[in-house]
Amino acid sequence: MQRSGMGRKYELKEEVRRGHFGYTCSTKFKKGELKGQQVAVKVIPKAKYRDEIY
């Protein structure tokens, strides 16, 4: 369940919740001072974007 850039920074675990725009996964940092810390990440597929993000 890894995505390009996210896979380098996070170890994606199980999906926690799914919504209209995307889904939330339980994750752990792979590197840096936060290595091993468990967090949640919201994943929004590019197809869901309607406008450019600045």
N, C-alpha and C. Protein backbone atom coordinates (compact mmCIF):
# COMPACT_ATOMS: atom_id res chain seq x y z
N MET A 1 0.82 -1.18 0.00
CA MET A 1 0.00 0.00 0.00
C MET A 1 0.88 1.26 0.00
N GLN A 2 2.03 1.22 -0.67
CA GLN A 2 2.89 2.39 -0.67
C GLN A 2 2.73 3.20 -1.94
N ARG A 3 2.90 4.48 -1.83
CA ARG A 3 2.83 5.41 -2.94
C ARG A 3 4.21 6.02 -3.14
N SER A 4 4.49 6.47 -4.33
CA SER A 4 5.79 6.99 -4.73
C SER A 4 6.56 7.72 -3.63
N GLY A 5 6.37 9.03 -3.48
CA GLY A 5 7.12 9.82 -2.51
C GLY A 5 6.82 9.45 -1.07
N MET A 6 5.60 9.07 -0.81
CA MET A 6 5.21 8.71 0.56
C MET A 6 5.93 7.47 1.04
N GLY A 7 6.19 6.55 0.15
CA GLY A 7 6.84 5.30 0.52
C GLY A 7 8.26 5.48 1.02
N ARG A 8 8.89 6.57 0.62
CA ARG A 8 10.25 6.84 1.10
C ARG A 8 10.26 7.41 2.52
N LYS A 9 9.21 8.13 2.88
CA LYS A 9 9.16 8.81 4.17
C LYS A 9 8.37 8.03 5.23
N TYR A 10 7.31 7.35 4.80
CA TYR A 10 6.41 6.67 5.72
C TYR A 10 6.31 5.18 5.41
N GLU A 11 6.09 4.41 6.44
CA GLU A 11 5.74 3.00 6.30
C GLU A 11 4.22 2.93 6.49
N LEU A 12 3.49 2.85 5.39
CA LEU A 12 2.03 2.85 5.47
C LEU A 12 1.54 1.52 6.03
N LYS A 13 0.67 1.60 7.00
CA LYS A 13 0.08 0.42 7.63
C LYS A 13 -1.36 0.26 7.14
N GLU A 14 -2.24 -0.16 8.00
CA GLU A 14 -3.63 -0.42 7.60
C GLU A 14 -4.43 0.86 7.38
N GLU A 15 -5.44 0.73 6.54
CA GLU A 15 -6.36 1.83 6.30
C GLU A 15 -7.25 1.97 7.52
N VAL A 16 -7.38 3.20 8.02
CA VAL A 16 -8.17 3.46 9.23
C VAL A 16 -9.60 3.85 8.87
N ARG A 17 -9.72 4.69 7.85
CA ARG A 17 -11.04 5.19 7.48
C ARG A 17 -11.03 5.66 6.03
N ARG A 18 -12.16 5.55 5.36
CA ARG A 18 -12.31 5.98 3.97
C ARG A 18 -13.43 7.00 3.90
N GLY A 19 -13.20 8.05 3.11
CA GLY A 19 -14.20 9.10 2.96
C GLY A 19 -14.40 9.46 1.50
N HIS A 20 -15.11 10.56 1.28
CA HIS A 20 -15.44 11.01 -0.07
C HIS A 20 -14.20 11.39 -0.88
N PHE A 21 -13.24 12.07 -0.27
CA PHE A 21 -12.08 12.57 -0.99
C PHE A 21 -10.88 11.64 -0.96
N GLY A 22 -10.81 10.74 -0.01
CA GLY A 22 -9.65 9.88 0.08
C GLY A 22 -9.77 8.93 1.26
N TYR A 23 -8.62 8.55 1.80
CA TYR A 23 -8.62 7.63 2.93
C TYR A 23 -7.49 7.99 3.89
N THR A 24 -7.60 7.50 5.11
CA THR A 24 -6.61 7.76 6.15
C THR A 24 -5.95 6.44 6.53
N CYS A 25 -4.62 6.47 6.60
CA CYS A 25 -3.86 5.27 6.96
C CYS A 25 -3.06 5.51 8.23
N SER A 26 -2.91 4.47 9.01
CA SER A 26 -1.99 4.47 10.12
C SER A 26 -0.60 4.32 9.51
N THR A 27 0.37 5.11 9.96
CA THR A 27 1.71 5.07 9.38
C THR A 27 2.77 5.22 10.45
N LYS A 28 4.00 4.92 10.07
CA LYS A 28 5.16 5.18 10.92
C LYS A 28 6.21 5.88 10.08
N PHE A 29 6.91 6.84 10.69
CA PHE A 29 8.02 7.49 10.00
C PHE A 29 9.14 6.48 9.83
N LYS A 30 9.79 6.49 8.67
CA LYS A 30 10.90 5.59 8.40
C LYS A 30 12.25 6.19 8.78
N LYS A 31 12.36 7.52 8.69
CA LYS A 31 13.66 8.18 8.85
C LYS A 31 13.57 9.40 9.75
N GLY A 32 14.74 9.93 10.05
CA GLY A 32 14.83 11.21 10.76
C GLY A 32 14.55 11.10 12.24
N GLU A 33 14.42 12.26 12.86
CA GLU A 33 14.23 12.30 14.32
C GLU A 33 12.89 11.73 14.75
N LEU A 34 11.94 11.62 13.83
CA LEU A 34 10.62 11.04 14.15
C LEU A 34 10.53 9.56 13.81
N LYS A 35 11.64 8.94 13.44
CA LYS A 35 11.67 7.53 13.05
C LYS A 35 10.97 6.66 14.09
N GLY A 36 10.04 5.84 13.62
CA GLY A 36 9.32 4.93 14.50
C GLY A 36 8.06 5.51 15.11
N GLN A 37 7.89 6.82 15.05
CA GLN A 37 6.69 7.45 15.63
C GLN A 37 5.48 7.13 14.76
N GLN A 38 4.39 6.72 15.40
CA GLN A 38 3.17 6.38 14.68
C GLN A 38 2.29 7.62 14.52
N VAL A 39 1.83 7.84 13.30
CA VAL A 39 0.96 8.98 12.97
C VAL A 39 -0.11 8.51 12.00
N ALA A 40 -1.00 9.41 11.64
CA ALA A 40 -2.01 9.11 10.62
C ALA A 40 -1.77 10.04 9.43
N VAL A 41 -1.98 9.52 8.23
CA VAL A 41 -1.78 10.29 7.01
C VAL A 41 -3.03 10.19 6.16
N LYS A 42 -3.52 11.34 5.70
CA LYS A 42 -4.68 11.37 4.79
C LYS A 42 -4.16 11.33 3.36
N VAL A 43 -4.65 10.37 2.59
CA VAL A 43 -4.24 10.20 1.20
C VAL A 43 -5.39 10.65 0.30
N ILE A 44 -5.11 11.62 -0.56
CA ILE A 44 -6.11 12.12 -1.51
C ILE A 44 -5.59 11.86 -2.91
N PRO A 45 -6.23 10.97 -3.66
CA PRO A 45 -5.77 10.67 -5.03
C PRO A 45 -5.78 11.92 -5.91
N LYS A 46 -4.81 12.02 -6.81
CA LYS A 46 -4.71 13.18 -7.71
C LYS A 46 -5.99 13.38 -8.51
N ALA A 47 -6.68 12.33 -8.84
CA ALA A 47 -7.92 12.43 -9.62
C ALA A 47 -8.99 13.23 -8.89
N LYS A 48 -8.89 13.37 -7.58
CA LYS A 48 -9.88 14.12 -6.79
C LYS A 48 -9.62 15.62 -6.79
N TYR A 49 -8.42 16.05 -7.20
CA TYR A 49 -8.12 17.48 -7.25
C TYR A 49 -8.86 18.14 -8.39
N ARG A 50 -9.50 19.26 -8.12
CA ARG A 50 -10.21 20.00 -9.16
C ARG A 50 -9.45 21.25 -9.58
N ASP A 51 -8.73 21.83 -8.66
CA ASP A 51 -7.98 23.06 -8.92
C ASP A 51 -6.52 22.84 -8.58
N GLU A 52 -5.68 23.73 -9.11
CA GLU A 52 -4.27 23.67 -8.75
C GLU A 52 -4.11 24.04 -7.29
N ILE A 53 -3.16 23.42 -6.65
CA ILE A 53 -2.87 23.72 -5.24
C ILE A 53 -1.60 24.56 -5.20
N TYR A 54 -1.65 25.66 -4.49
CA TYR A 54 -0.50 26.56 -4.41
C TYR A 54 0.15 26.45 -3.07
